[in-house]
């Protein structure tokens, strides 16, 4: 641990459960945003190569679907934790 008042590692920003909960929610939402960027990148790649191998296009579509599910799960988890955190204080 650092000196008093210095930020700690993720999960210890406020030194209490509420701070740790906020850190987890922020981390989940950050990962959801990264999944969104990955989805956009894959979609743009597929659009830029419309005549590509149908199998490759299918695998890209499957990856987009998987990432969309991950993004949804991360967002729901963050929402659930934020809801619990609001009602614990």
Protein backbone atom coordinates (compact mmCIF):
# COMPACT_ATOMS: atom_id res chain seq x y z
CA UNK A 1 0.00 0.00 0.00
CA UNK A 2 1.05 3.58 -0.62
CA UNK A 3 0.89 6.61 1.56
CA UNK A 4 -2.46 7.73 2.97
CA UNK A 5 -4.48 9.49 0.28
CA UNK A 6 -2.62 7.89 -2.61
CA UNK A 7 -4.72 5.84 -4.98
CA UNK A 8 -4.30 2.13 -4.52
CA UNK A 9 -4.61 -0.69 -7.03
CA UNK A 10 -7.91 -1.47 -8.71
CA UNK A 11 -10.32 -2.68 -6.06
CA UNK A 12 -8.86 -0.42 -3.37
CA UNK A 13 -9.63 3.09 -4.62
CA UNK A 14 -11.71 4.16 -1.66
CA UNK A 15 -10.41 1.67 0.86
CA UNK A 16 -13.92 0.35 1.42
CA UNK A 17 -16.45 -1.97 -0.16
CA UNK A 18 -18.21 0.83 -2.06
CA UNK A 19 -14.95 1.91 -3.67
CA UNK A 20 -14.10 -1.65 -4.60
CA UNK A 21 -17.59 -2.10 -6.07
CA UNK A 22 -17.18 1.07 -8.18
CA UNK A 23 -13.83 -0.20 -9.45
CA UNK A 24 -15.37 -3.49 -10.54
CA UNK A 25 -18.27 -1.73 -12.28
CA UNK A 26 -15.84 0.56 -14.11
CA UNK A 27 -13.71 -2.41 -15.15
CA UNK A 28 -16.76 -4.30 -16.47
CA UNK A 29 -17.99 -1.30 -18.43
CA UNK A 30 -14.50 -0.69 -19.82
CA UNK A 31 -14.40 -4.26 -21.09
CA UNK A 32 -17.88 -3.83 -22.61
CA UNK A 33 -16.66 -0.75 -24.51
CA UNK A 34 -13.63 -2.69 -25.74
CA UNK A 35 -15.94 -5.46 -26.96
CA UNK A 36 -17.93 -2.82 -28.86
CA UNK A 37 -14.76 -1.58 -30.56
CA UNK A 38 -13.86 -5.15 -31.50
CA UNK A 39 -17.35 -5.70 -32.95
CA UNK A 40 -17.09 -2.52 -35.00
CA UNK A 41 -13.63 -3.49 -36.25
CA UNK A 42 -14.79 -6.93 -37.34
CA UNK A 43 -17.86 -5.53 -39.06
CA UNK A 44 -15.77 -2.94 -40.91
CA UNK A 45 -13.28 -5.61 -41.95
CA UNK A 46 -16.04 -7.84 -43.28
CA UNK A 47 -17.62 -4.92 -45.15
CA UNK A 48 -14.28 -4.02 -46.71
CA UNK A 49 -13.87 -7.57 -48.04
CA UNK A 50 -17.32 -8.48 -49.39
CA UNK A 51 -16.00 -11.08 -51.83
CA UNK A 52 -13.96 -12.91 -49.21
CA UNK A 53 -14.22 -16.62 -48.56
CA UNK A 54 -17.78 -17.38 -47.35
CA UNK A 55 -16.36 -19.50 -44.53
CA UNK A 56 -14.26 -16.56 -43.32
CA UNK A 57 -17.29 -14.27 -43.49
CA UNK A 58 -19.27 -16.81 -41.48
CA UNK A 59 -16.55 -17.02 -38.84
CA UNK A 60 -16.44 -13.22 -38.60
CA UNK A 61 -20.22 -13.16 -38.13
CA UNK A 62 -19.90 -15.82 -35.41
CA UNK A 63 -17.19 -13.77 -33.66
CA UNK A 64 -19.39 -10.67 -33.81
CA UNK A 65 -22.28 -12.61 -32.28
CA UNK A 66 -20.03 -13.97 -29.53
CA UNK A 67 -18.63 -10.54 -28.72
CA UNK A 68 -22.13 -9.07 -28.67
CA UNK A 69 -23.11 -11.67 -26.08
CA UNK A 70 -20.01 -10.90 -24.03
CA UNK A 71 -20.76 -7.17 -24.19
CA UNK A 72 -24.32 -7.80 -23.04
CA UNK A 73 -23.17 -10.00 -20.16
CA UNK A 74 -20.58 -7.44 -19.04
CA UNK A 75 -23.11 -4.62 -19.18
CA UNK A 76 -25.69 -6.61 -17.23
CA UNK A 77 -23.12 -7.59 -14.62
CA UNK A 78 -22.06 -3.96 -14.19
CA UNK A 79 -25.69 -2.87 -13.98
CA UNK A 80 -26.44 -5.52 -11.38
CA UNK A 81 -23.43 -4.56 -9.26
CA UNK A 82 -24.27 -0.87 -9.52
CA UNK A 83 -27.85 -1.63 -8.43
CA UNK A 84 -26.61 -3.66 -5.44
CA UNK A 85 -24.11 -0.92 -4.56
CA UNK A 86 -26.81 1.76 -4.61
CA UNK A 87 -28.96 -0.20 -2.20
CA UNK A 88 -26.15 -1.19 0.17
CA UNK A 89 -25.23 2.38 1.07
